[in-house]
Amino acid sequence: MVEKTEGNKNIHIYGFEDQDFLDDIANYTDPVHHHQKFNSMFLDAIAGGHHELTPENVEGYLKRCEQKAWDYDIPALNDEVQRLLGAAVKKGDG
């Protein structure tokens, strides 16, 4: 998409998938929405021209995203989900 829209002054593509806050399940209000406090962060970044993807930086960005995916601690996430499910069952919410 970055390559296809290059030269269009009215199209800007931003990427945040390489940011650490995405890795913390506590930053989400449900499975698809992030915590409200990040709205300001996104707006400030866009207003300041930060995190914009360009043909010059998209390859490095994608490499960082891929490395974060490889480095992600899936067993720790599973442990936390299991702990929360166990607590919900004990409480009678599960």
PDB file of N, CA and C in Angstrom:
ATOM      1  N   MET A   1       0.823  -1.178   0.000  1.00  0.00           N
ATOM      2  CA  MET A   1       0.000   0.000   0.000  1.00  0.00           C
ATOM      3  C   MET A   1       0.874   1.250   0.000  1.00  0.00           C
ATOM      4  N   VAL A   2       1.968   1.206   0.741  1.00  0.00           N
ATOM      5  CA  VAL A   2       2.859   2.367   0.804  1.00  0.00           C
ATOM      6  C   VAL A   2       3.391   2.691  -0.584  1.00  0.00           C
ATOM      7  N   GLU A   3       3.811   1.684  -1.319  1.00  0.00           N
ATOM      8  CA  GLU A   3       4.341   1.907  -2.666  1.00  0.00           C
ATOM      9  C   GLU A   3       3.255   2.404  -3.614  1.00  0.00           C
ATOM     10  N   LYS A   4       2.064   1.836  -3.511  1.00  0.00           N
ATOM     11  CA  LYS A   4       0.968   2.202  -4.423  1.00  0.00           C
ATOM     12  C   LYS A   4       0.487   3.630  -4.214  1.00  0.00           C
ATOM     13  N   THR A   5       0.627   4.158  -3.005  1.00  0.00           N
ATOM     14  CA  THR A   5       0.127   5.503  -2.719  1.00  0.00           C
ATOM     15  C   THR A   5       1.225   6.555  -2.727  1.00  0.00           C
ATOM     16  N   GLU A   6       2.443   6.143  -3.011  1.00  0.00           N
ATOM     17  CA  GLU A   6       3.549   7.103  -3.055  1.00  0.00           C
ATOM     18  C   GLU A   6       3.238   8.212  -4.067  1.00  0.00           C
ATOM     19  N   GLY A   7       3.468   9.427  -3.668  1.00  0.00           N
ATOM     20  CA  GLY A   7       3.219  10.564  -4.547  1.00  0.00           C
ATOM     21  C   GLY A   7       1.842  11.179  -4.385  1.00  0.00           C
ATOM     22  N   ASN A   8       0.948  10.510  -3.702  1.00  0.00           N
ATOM     23  CA  ASN A   8      -0.380  11.061  -3.417  1.00  0.00           C
ATOM     24  C   ASN A   8      -0.281  11.868  -2.121  1.00  0.00           C
ATOM     25  N   LYS A   9      -0.340  13.169  -2.242  1.00  0.00           N
ATOM     26  CA  LYS A   9      -0.137  14.040  -1.090  1.00  0.00           C
ATOM     27  C   LYS A   9      -1.281  13.971  -0.083  1.00  0.00           C
ATOM     28  N   ASN A  10      -2.409  13.406  -0.479  1.00  0.00           N
ATOM     29  CA  ASN A  10      -3.556  13.348   0.431  1.00  0.00           C
ATOM     30  C   ASN A  10      -3.697  11.983   1.109  1.00  0.00           C
ATOM     31  N   ILE A  11      -2.716  11.094   0.915  1.00  0.00           N
ATOM     32  CA  ILE A  11      -2.760   9.778   1.554  1.00  0.00           C
ATOM     33  C   ILE A  11      -1.517   9.614   2.433  1.00  0.00           C
ATOM     34  N   HIS A  12      -1.758   9.303   3.693  1.00  0.00           N
ATOM     35  CA  HIS A  12      -0.677   9.059   4.646  1.00  0.00           C
ATOM     36  C   HIS A  12      -0.972   7.743   5.351  1.00  0.00           C
ATOM     37  N   ILE A  13       0.027   6.901   5.454  1.00  0.00           N
ATOM     38  CA  ILE A  13      -0.137   5.603   6.107  1.00  0.00           C
ATOM     39  C   ILE A  13       0.761   5.584   7.337  1.00  0.00           C
ATOM     40  N   TYR A  14       0.171   5.201   8.452  1.00  0.00           N
ATOM     41  CA  TYR A  14       0.897   5.183   9.720  1.00  0.00           C
ATOM     42  C   TYR A  14       0.944   3.761  10.240  1.00  0.00           C
ATOM     43  N   GLY A  15       2.014   3.441  10.925  1.00  0.00           N
ATOM     44  CA  GLY A  15       2.164   2.113  11.507  1.00  0.00           C
ATOM     45  C   GLY A  15       2.552   2.191  12.963  1.00  0.00           C
ATOM     46  N   PHE A  16       1.840   1.436  13.780  1.00  0.00           N
ATOM     47  CA  PHE A  16       2.116   1.403  15.207  1.00  0.00           C
ATOM     48  C   PHE A  16       2.395  -0.014  15.696  1.00  0.00           C
ATOM     49  N   GLU A  17       2.414  -0.972  14.793  1.00  0.00           N
ATOM     50  CA  GLU A  17       2.574  -2.372  15.188  1.00  0.00           C
ATOM     51  C   GLU A  17       3.930  -2.681  15.795  1.00  0.00           C
ATOM     52  N   ASP A  18       4.870  -1.766  15.681  1.00  0.00           N
ATOM     53  CA  ASP A  18       6.189  -1.997  16.268  1.00  0.00           C
ATOM     54  C   ASP A  18       6.321  -1.384  17.661  1.00  0.00           C
ATOM     55  N   GLN A  19       5.223  -0.915  18.223  1.00  0.00           N
ATOM     56  CA  GLN A  19       5.244  -0.259  19.531  1.00  0.00           C
ATOM     57  C   GLN A  19       5.025  -1.275  20.658  1.00  0.00           C
ATOM     58  N   ASP A  20       5.715  -1.076  21.766  1.00  0.00           N
ATOM     59  CA  ASP A  20       5.663  -2.019  22.877  1.00  0.00           C
ATOM     60  C   ASP A  20       4.316  -2.075  23.586  1.00  0.00           C
ATOM     61  N   PHE A  21       3.550  -0.984  23.600  1.00  0.00           N
ATOM     62  CA  PHE A  21       2.290  -0.998  24.336  1.00  0.00           C
ATOM     63  C   PHE A  21       1.309  -2.022  23.784  1.00  0.00           C
ATOM     64  N   LEU A  22       1.472  -2.411  22.532  1.00  0.00           N
ATOM     65  CA  LEU A  22       0.574  -3.391  21.926  1.00  0.00           C
ATOM     66  C   LEU A  22       0.729  -4.777  22.535  1.00  0.00           C
ATOM     67  N   ASP A  23       1.881  -5.038  23.148  1.00  0.00           N
ATOM     68  CA  ASP A  23       2.166  -6.359  23.700  1.00  0.00           C
ATOM     69  C   ASP A  23       1.544  -6.606  25.072  1.00  0.00           C
ATOM     70  N   ASP A  24       0.971  -5.593  25.686  1.00  0.00           N
ATOM     71  CA  ASP A  24       0.438  -5.723  27.038  1.00  0.00           C
ATOM     72  C   ASP A  24      -1.080  -5.853  26.976  1.00  0.00           C
ATOM     73  N   ILE A  25      -1.576  -7.017  27.333  1.00  0.00           N
ATOM     74  CA  ILE A  25      -3.017  -7.290  27.259  1.00  0.00           C
ATOM     75  C   ILE A  25      -3.832  -6.314  28.111  1.00  0.00           C
ATOM     76  N   ALA A  26      -3.220  -5.740  29.120  1.00  0.00           N
ATOM     77  CA  ALA A  26      -3.916  -4.778  29.982  1.00  0.00           C
ATOM     78  C   ALA A  26      -4.260  -3.484  29.237  1.00  0.00           C
ATOM     79  N   ASN A  27      -3.659  -3.260  28.077  1.00  0.00           N
ATOM     80  CA  ASN A  27      -3.925  -2.044  27.303  1.00  0.00           C
ATOM     81  C   ASN A  27      -5.133  -2.169  26.379  1.00  0.00           C
ATOM     82  N   TYR A  28      -5.895  -3.244  26.527  1.00  0.00           N
ATOM     83  CA  TYR A  28      -7.060  -3.458  25.678  1.00  0.00           C
ATOM     84  C   TYR A  28      -8.318  -3.508  26.531  1.00  0.00           C
ATOM     85  N   THR A  29      -9.397  -2.923  26.010  1.00  0.00           N
ATOM     86  CA  THR A  29     -10.664  -2.947  26.728  1.00  0.00           C
ATOM     87  C   THR A  29     -11.487  -4.171  26.354  1.00  0.00           C
ATOM     88  N   ASP A  30     -11.200  -4.753  25.215  1.00  0.00           N
ATOM     89  CA  ASP A  30     -11.806  -6.004  24.764  1.00  0.00           C
ATOM     90  C   ASP A  30     -10.871  -6.579  23.700  1.00  0.00           C
ATOM     91  N   PRO A  31     -11.205  -7.698  23.082  1.00  0.00           N
ATOM     92  CA  PRO A  31     -10.247  -8.331  22.163  1.00  0.00           C
ATOM     93  C   PRO A  31      -9.806  -7.499  20.952  1.00  0.00           C
ATOM     94  N   VAL A  32     -10.519  -6.430  20.619  1.00  0.00           N
ATOM     95  CA  VAL A  32     -10.145  -5.673  19.421  1.00  0.00           C
ATOM     96  C   VAL A  32      -9.919  -4.182  19.646  1.00  0.00           C
ATOM     97  N   HIS A  33     -10.187  -3.668  20.843  1.00  0.00           N
ATOM     98  CA  HIS A  33     -10.062  -2.238  21.103  1.00  0.00           C
ATOM     99  C   HIS A  33      -9.010  -1.962  22.166  1.00  0.00           C
ATOM    100  N   HIS A  34      -8.179  -0.981  21.901  1.00  0.00           N
ATOM    101  CA  HIS A  34      -7.157  -0.574  22.857  1.00  0.00           C
ATOM    102  C   HIS A  34      -7.762   0.353  23.903  1.00  0.00           C
ATOM    103  N   HIS A  35      -7.021   0.557  24.959  1.00  0.00           N
ATOM    104  CA  HIS A  35      -7.454   1.442  26.044  1.00  0.00           C
ATOM    105  C   HIS A  35      -7.588   2.874  25.514  1.00  0.00           C
ATOM    106  N   GLN A  36      -8.531   3.609  26.015  1.00  0.00           N
ATOM    107  CA  GLN A  36      -8.843   4.972  25.569  1.00  0.00           C
ATOM    108  C   GLN A  36      -7.638   5.910  25.636  1.00  0.00           C
ATOM    109  N   LYS A  37      -6.722   5.701  26.578  1.00  0.00           N
ATOM    110  CA  LYS A  37      -5.588   6.614  26.734  1.00  0.00           C
ATOM    111  C   LYS A  37      -4.695   6.657  25.499  1.00  0.00           C
ATOM    112  N   PHE A  38      -4.811   5.649  24.632  1.00  0.00           N
ATOM    113  CA  PHE A  38      -3.963   5.634  23.447  1.00  0.00           C
ATOM    114  C   PHE A  38      -4.509   6.482  22.303  1.00  0.00           C
ATOM    115  N   ASN A  39      -5.776   6.903  22.387  1.00  0.00           N
ATOM    116  CA  ASN A  39      -6.321   7.780  21.347  1.00  0.00           C
ATOM    117  C   ASN A  39      -5.491   9.043  21.196  1.00  0.00           C
ATOM    118  N   SER A  40      -5.160   9.665  22.314  1.00  0.00           N
ATOM    119  CA  SER A  40      -4.343  10.894  22.279  1.00  0.00           C
ATOM    120  C   SER A  40      -2.960  10.604  21.712  1.00  0.00           C
ATOM    121  N   MET A  41      -2.394   9.469  22.095  1.00  0.00           N
ATOM    122  CA  MET A  41      -1.075   9.124  21.589  1.00  0.00           C
ATOM    123  C   MET A  41      -1.096   8.986  20.058  1.00  0.00           C
ATOM    124  N   PHE A  42      -2.132   8.313  19.533  1.00  0.00           N
ATOM    125  CA  PHE A  42      -2.257   8.161  18.081  1.00  0.00           C
ATOM    126  C   PHE A  42      -2.424   9.522  17.403  1.00  0.00           C
ATOM    127  N   LEU A  43      -3.307  10.350  17.942  1.00  0.00           N
ATOM    128  CA  LEU A  43      -3.553  11.656  17.339  1.00  0.00           C
ATOM    129  C   LEU A  43      -2.314  12.550  17.380  1.00  0.00           C
ATOM    130  N   ASP A  44      -1.602  12.545  18.504  1.00  0.00           N
ATOM    131  CA  ASP A  44      -0.372  13.332  18.610  1.00  0.00           C
ATOM    132  C   ASP A  44       0.680  12.849  17.623  1.00  0.00           C
ATOM    133  N   ALA A  45       0.810  11.541  17.484  1.00  0.00           N
ATOM    134  CA  ALA A  45       1.799  10.988  16.553  1.00  0.00           C
ATOM    135  C   ALA A  45       1.463  11.375  15.115  1.00  0.00           C
ATOM    136  N   ILE A  46       0.199  11.268  14.754  1.00  0.00           N
ATOM    137  CA  ILE A  46      -0.217  11.607  13.393  1.00  0.00           C
ATOM    138  C   ILE A  46      -0.046  13.108  13.146  1.00  0.00           C
ATOM    139  N   ALA A  47      -0.461  13.926  14.108  1.00  0.00           N
ATOM    140  CA  ALA A  47      -0.311  15.381  13.959  1.00  0.00           C
ATOM    141  C   ALA A  47       1.149  15.781  13.823  1.00  0.00           C
ATOM    142  N   GLY A  48       2.026  15.066  14.508  1.00  0.00           N
ATOM    143  CA  GLY A  48       3.450  15.373  14.462  1.00  0.00           C
ATOM    144  C   GLY A  48       4.197  14.693  13.334  1.00  0.00           C
ATOM    145  N   GLY A  49       3.481  13.899  12.544  1.00  0.00           N
ATOM    146  CA  GLY A  49       4.124  13.200  11.433  1.00  0.00           C
ATOM    147  C   GLY A  49       4.991  12.031  11.865  1.00  0.00           C
ATOM    148  N   HIS A  50       4.745  11.527  13.068  1.00  0.00           N
ATOM    149  CA  HIS A  50       5.515  10.391  13.573  1.00  0.00           C
ATOM    150  C   HIS A  50       4.834   9.085  13.162  1.00  0.00           C
ATOM    151  N   HIS A  51       5.614   8.066  12.966  1.00  0.00           N
ATOM    152  CA  HIS A  51       5.120   6.722  12.631  1.00  0.00           C
ATOM    153  C   HIS A  51       4.534   6.642  11.222  1.00  0.00           C
ATOM    154  N   GLU A  52       4.840   7.616  10.391  1.00  0.00           N
ATOM    155  CA  GLU A  52       4.357   7.554   9.011  1.00  0.00           C
ATOM    156  C   GLU A  52       5.238   6.593   8.224  1.00  0.00           C
ATOM    157  N   LEU A  53       4.596   5.724   7.461  1.00  0.00           N
ATOM    158  CA  LEU A  53       5.329   4.765   6.647  1.00  0.00           C
ATOM    159  C   LEU A  53       5.569   5.339   5.263  1.00  0.00           C
ATOM    160  N   THR A  54       6.804   5.198   4.818  1.00  0.00           N
ATOM    161  CA  THR A  54       7.225   5.699   3.502  1.00  0.00           C
ATOM    162  C   THR A  54       7.983   4.585   2.789  1.00  0.00           C
ATOM    163  N   PRO A  55       8.190   4.726   1.487  1.00  0.00           N
ATOM    164  CA  PRO A  55       8.987   3.721   0.788  1.00  0.00           C
ATOM    165  C   PRO A  55      10.388   3.563   1.393  1.00  0.00           C
ATOM    166  N   GLU A  56      10.906   4.620   2.005  1.00  0.00           N
ATOM    167  CA  GLU A  56      12.251   4.571   2.577  1.00  0.00           C
ATOM    168  C   GLU A  56      12.303   3.845   3.924  1.00  0.00           C
ATOM    169  N   ASN A  57      11.212   3.841   4.680  1.00  0.00           N
ATOM    170  CA  ASN A  57      11.278   3.239   6.012  1.00  0.00           C
ATOM    171  C   ASN A  57      10.410   1.998   6.202  1.00  0.00           C
ATOM    172  N   VAL A  58       9.606   1.637   5.216  1.00  0.00           N
ATOM    173  CA  VAL A  58       8.659   0.539   5.405  1.00  0.00           C
ATOM    174  C   VAL A  58       9.370  -0.807   5.587  1.00  0.00           C
ATOM    175  N   GLU A  59      10.474  -1.026   4.920  1.00  0.00           N
ATOM    176  CA  GLU A  59      11.168  -2.309   5.064  1.00  0.00           C
ATOM    177  C   GLU A  59      11.685  -2.495   6.493  1.00  0.00           C
ATOM    178  N   GLY A  60      12.306  -1.474   7.048  1.00  0.00           N
ATOM    179  CA  GLY A  60      12.779  -1.549   8.428  1.00  0.00           C
ATOM    180  C   GLY A  60      11.639  -1.725   9.411  1.00  0.00           C
ATOM    181  N   TYR A  61      10.543  -1.023   9.155  1.00  0.00           N
ATOM    182  CA  TYR A  61       9.355  -1.141  10.000  1.00  0.00           C
ATOM    183  C   TYR A  61       8.835  -2.582  10.009  1.00  0.00           C
ATOM    184  N   LEU A  62       8.710  -3.170   8.828  1.00  0.00           N
ATOM    185  CA  LEU A  62       8.211  -4.539   8.733  1.00  0.00           C
ATOM    186  C   LEU A  62       9.160  -5.528   9.405  1.00  0.00           C
ATOM    187  N   LYS A  63      10.453  -5.282   9.309  1.00  0.00           N
ATOM    188  CA  LYS A  63      11.425  -6.150   9.988  1.00  0.00           C
ATOM    189  C   LYS A  63      11.263  -6.051  11.504  1.00  0.00           C
ATOM    190  N   ARG A  64      11.054  -4.843  12.025  1.00  0.00           N
ATOM    191  CA  ARG A  64      10.844  -4.673  13.469  1.00  0.00           C
ATOM    192  C   ARG A  64       9.566  -5.397  13.907  1.00  0.00           C
ATOM    193  N   CYS A  65       8.506  -5.277  13.116  1.00  0.00           N
ATOM    194  CA  CYS A  65       7.241  -5.943  13.443  1.00  0.00           C
ATOM    195  C   CYS A  65       7.418  -7.459  13.450  1.00  0.00           C
ATOM    196  N   GLU A  66       8.108  -7.975  12.460  1.00  0.00           N
ATOM    197  CA  GLU A  66       8.335  -9.415  12.398  1.00  0.00           C
ATOM    198  C   GLU A  66       9.160  -9.887  13.593  1.00  0.00           C
ATOM    199  N   GLN A  67      10.202  -9.138  13.947  1.00  0.00           N
ATOM    200  CA  GLN A  67      11.033  -9.529  15.082  1.00  0.00           C
ATOM    201  C   GLN A  67      10.241  -9.500  16.379  1.00  0.00           C
ATOM    202  N   LYS A  68       9.364  -8.501  16.547  1.00  0.00           N
ATOM    203  CA  LYS A  68       8.525  -8.446  17.743  1.00  0.00           C
ATOM    204  C   LYS A  68       7.623  -9.672  17.804  1.00  0.00           C
ATOM    205  N   ALA A  69       7.103 -10.097  16.665  1.00  0.00           N
ATOM    206  CA  ALA A  69       6.244 -11.287  16.639  1.00  0.00           C
ATOM    207  C   ALA A  69       7.037 -12.524  17.050  1.00  0.00           C
ATOM    208  N   TRP A  70       8.240 -12.663  16.544  1.00  0.00           N
ATOM    209  CA  TRP A  70       9.082 -13.817  16.897  1.00  0.00           C
ATOM    210  C   TRP A  70       9.479 -13.782  18.365  1.00  0.00           C
ATOM    211  N   ASP A  71       9.669 -12.594  18.914  1.00  0.00           N
ATOM    212  CA  ASP A  71      10.107 -12.442  20.296  1.00  0.00           C
ATOM    213  C   ASP A  71       8.963 -12.515  21.314  1.00  0.00           C
ATOM    214  N   TYR A  72       7.728 -12.483  20.839  1.00  0.00           N
ATOM    215  CA  TYR A  72       6.593 -12.412  21.761  1.00  0.00           C
ATOM    216  C   TYR A  72       6.519 -13.669  22.626  1.00  0.00           C
ATOM    217  N   ASP A  73       6.262 -13.478  23.895  1.00  0.00           N
ATOM    218  CA  ASP A  73       6.239 -14.560  24.876  1.00  0.00           C
ATOM    219  C   ASP A  73       4.835 -15.166  24.953  1.00  0.00           C
ATOM    220  N   ILE A  74       4.516 -16.073  24.044  1.00  0.00           N
ATOM    221  CA  ILE A  74       3.201 -16.716  23.988  1.00  0.00           C
ATOM    222  C   ILE A  74       2.913 -17.519  25.268  1.00  0.00           C
ATOM    223  N   PRO A  75       3.872 -18.290  25.781  1.00  0.00           N
ATOM    224  CA  PRO A  75       3.572 -19.028  27.024  1.00  0.00           C
ATOM    225  C   PRO A  75       3.168 -18.107  28.187  1.00  0.00           C
ATOM    226  N   ALA A  76       3.804 -16.956  28.315  1.00  0.00           N
ATOM    227  CA  ALA A  76       3.443 -16.028  29.385  1.00  0.00           C
ATOM    228  C   ALA A  76       2.026 -15.496  29.188  1.00  0.00           C
ATOM    229  N   LEU A  77       1.652 -15.199  27.947  1.00  0.00           N
ATOM    230  CA  LEU A  77       0.293 -14.740  27.665  1.00  0.00           C
ATOM    231  C   LEU A  77      -0.707 -15.838  28.008  1.00  0.00           C
ATOM    232  N   ASN A  78      -0.404 -17.063  27.619  1.00  0.00           N
ATOM    233  CA  ASN A  78      -1.286 -18.182  27.941  1.00  0.00           C
ATOM    234  C   ASN A  78      -1.439 -18.336  29.449  1.00  0.00           C
ATOM    235  N   ASP A  79      -0.345 -18.221  30.183  1.00  0.00           N
ATOM    236  CA  ASP A  79      -0.412 -18.329  31.641  1.00  0.00           C
ATOM    237  C   ASP A  79      -1.328 -17.260  32.228  1.00  0.00           C
ATOM    238  N   GLU A  80      -1.218 -16.038  31.729  1.00  0.00           N
ATOM    239  CA  GLU A  80      -2.050 -14.943  32.229  1.00  0.00           C
ATOM    240  C   GLU A  80      -3.529 -15.181  31.894  1.00  0.00           C
ATOM    241  N   VAL A  81      -3.821 -15.631  30.693  1.00  0.00           N
ATOM    242  CA  VAL A  81      -5.204 -15.914  30.307  1.00  0.00           C
ATOM    243  C   VAL A  81      -5.767 -17.036  31.183  1.00  0.00           C
ATOM    244  N   GLN A  82      -4.984 -18.075  31.385  1.00  0.00           N
ATOM    245  CA  GLN A  82      -5.445 -19.190  32.226  1.00  0.00           C
ATOM    246  C   GLN A  82      -5.692 -18.723  33.660  1.00  0.00           C
ATOM    247  N   ARG A  83      -4.816 -17.867  34.177  1.00  0.00           N
ATOM    248  CA  ARG A  83      -4.988 -17.335  35.530  1.00  0.00           C
ATOM    249  C   ARG A  83      -6.292 -16.544  35.630  1.00  0.00           C
ATOM    250  N   LEU A  84      -6.539 -15.675  34.632  1.00  0.00           N
ATOM    251  CA  LEU A  84      -7.759 -14.869  34.640  1.00  0.00           C
ATOM    252  C   LEU A  84      -9.006 -15.731  34.498  1.00  0.00           C
ATOM    253  N   LEU A  85      -8.936 -16.752  33.648  1.00  0.00           N
ATOM    254  CA  LEU A  85     -10.082 -17.656  33.503  1.00  0.00           C
ATOM    255  C   LEU A  85     -10.342 -18.416  34.799  1.00  0.00           C
ATOM    256  N   GLY A  86      -9.272 -18.874  35.436  1.00  0.00           N
ATOM    257  CA  GLY A  86      -9.420 -19.575  36.711  1.00  0.00           C
ATOM    258  C   GLY A  86     -10.044 -18.690  37.773  1.00  0.00           C
ATOM    259  N   ALA A  87      -9.626 -17.434  37.820  1.00  0.00           N
ATOM    260  CA  ALA A  87     -10.188 -16.497  38.792  1.00  0.00           C
ATOM    261  C   ALA A  87     -11.657 -16.248  38.492  1.00  0.00           C
ATOM    262  N   ALA A  88     -12.016 -16.161  37.227  1.00  0.00           N
ATOM    263  CA  ALA A  88     -13.424 -15.929  36.860  1.00  0.00           C
ATOM    264  C   ALA A  88     -14.285 -17.127  37.239  1.00  0.00           C
ATOM    265  N   VAL A  89     -13.761 -18.338  37.057  1.00  0.00           N
ATOM    266  CA  VAL A  89     -14.511 -19.547  37.414  1.00  0.00           C
ATOM    267  C   VAL A  89     -14.728 -19.595  38.927  1.00  0.00           C
ATOM    268  N   LYS A  90     -13.671 -19.292  39.689  1.00  0.00           N
ATOM    269  CA  LYS A  90     -13.796 -19.290  41.152  1.00  0.00           C
ATOM    270  C   LYS A  90     -14.830 -18.270  41.626  1.00  0.00           C
ATOM    271  N   LYS A  91     -14.872 -17.152  40.928  1.00  0.00           N
ATOM    272  CA  LYS A  91     -15.790 -16.054  41.295  1.00  0.00           C
ATOM    273  C   LYS A  91     -17.225 -16.361  40.834  1.00  0.00           C
ATOM    274  N   GLY A  92     -17.352 -17.300  39.904  1.00  0.00           N
ATOM    275  CA  GLY A  92     -18.670 -17.639  39.376  1.00  0.00           C
ATOM    276  C   GLY A  92     -19.009 -16.906  38.099  1.00  0.00           C
ATOM    277  N   ASP A  93     -18.019 -16.217  37.493  1.00  0.00           N
ATOM    278  CA  ASP A  93     -18.250 -15.479  36.235  1.00  0.00           C
ATOM    279  C   ASP A  93     -17.890 -16.314  35.011  1.00  0.00           C
ATOM    280  N   GLY A  94     -17.322 -17.491  35.195  1.00  0.00           N
ATOM    281  CA  GLY A  94     -16.795 -18.261  34.061  1.00  0.00           C
ATOM    282  C   GLY A  94     -17.666 -19.365  33.612  1.00  0.00           C
TER     283      GLY A  94
END
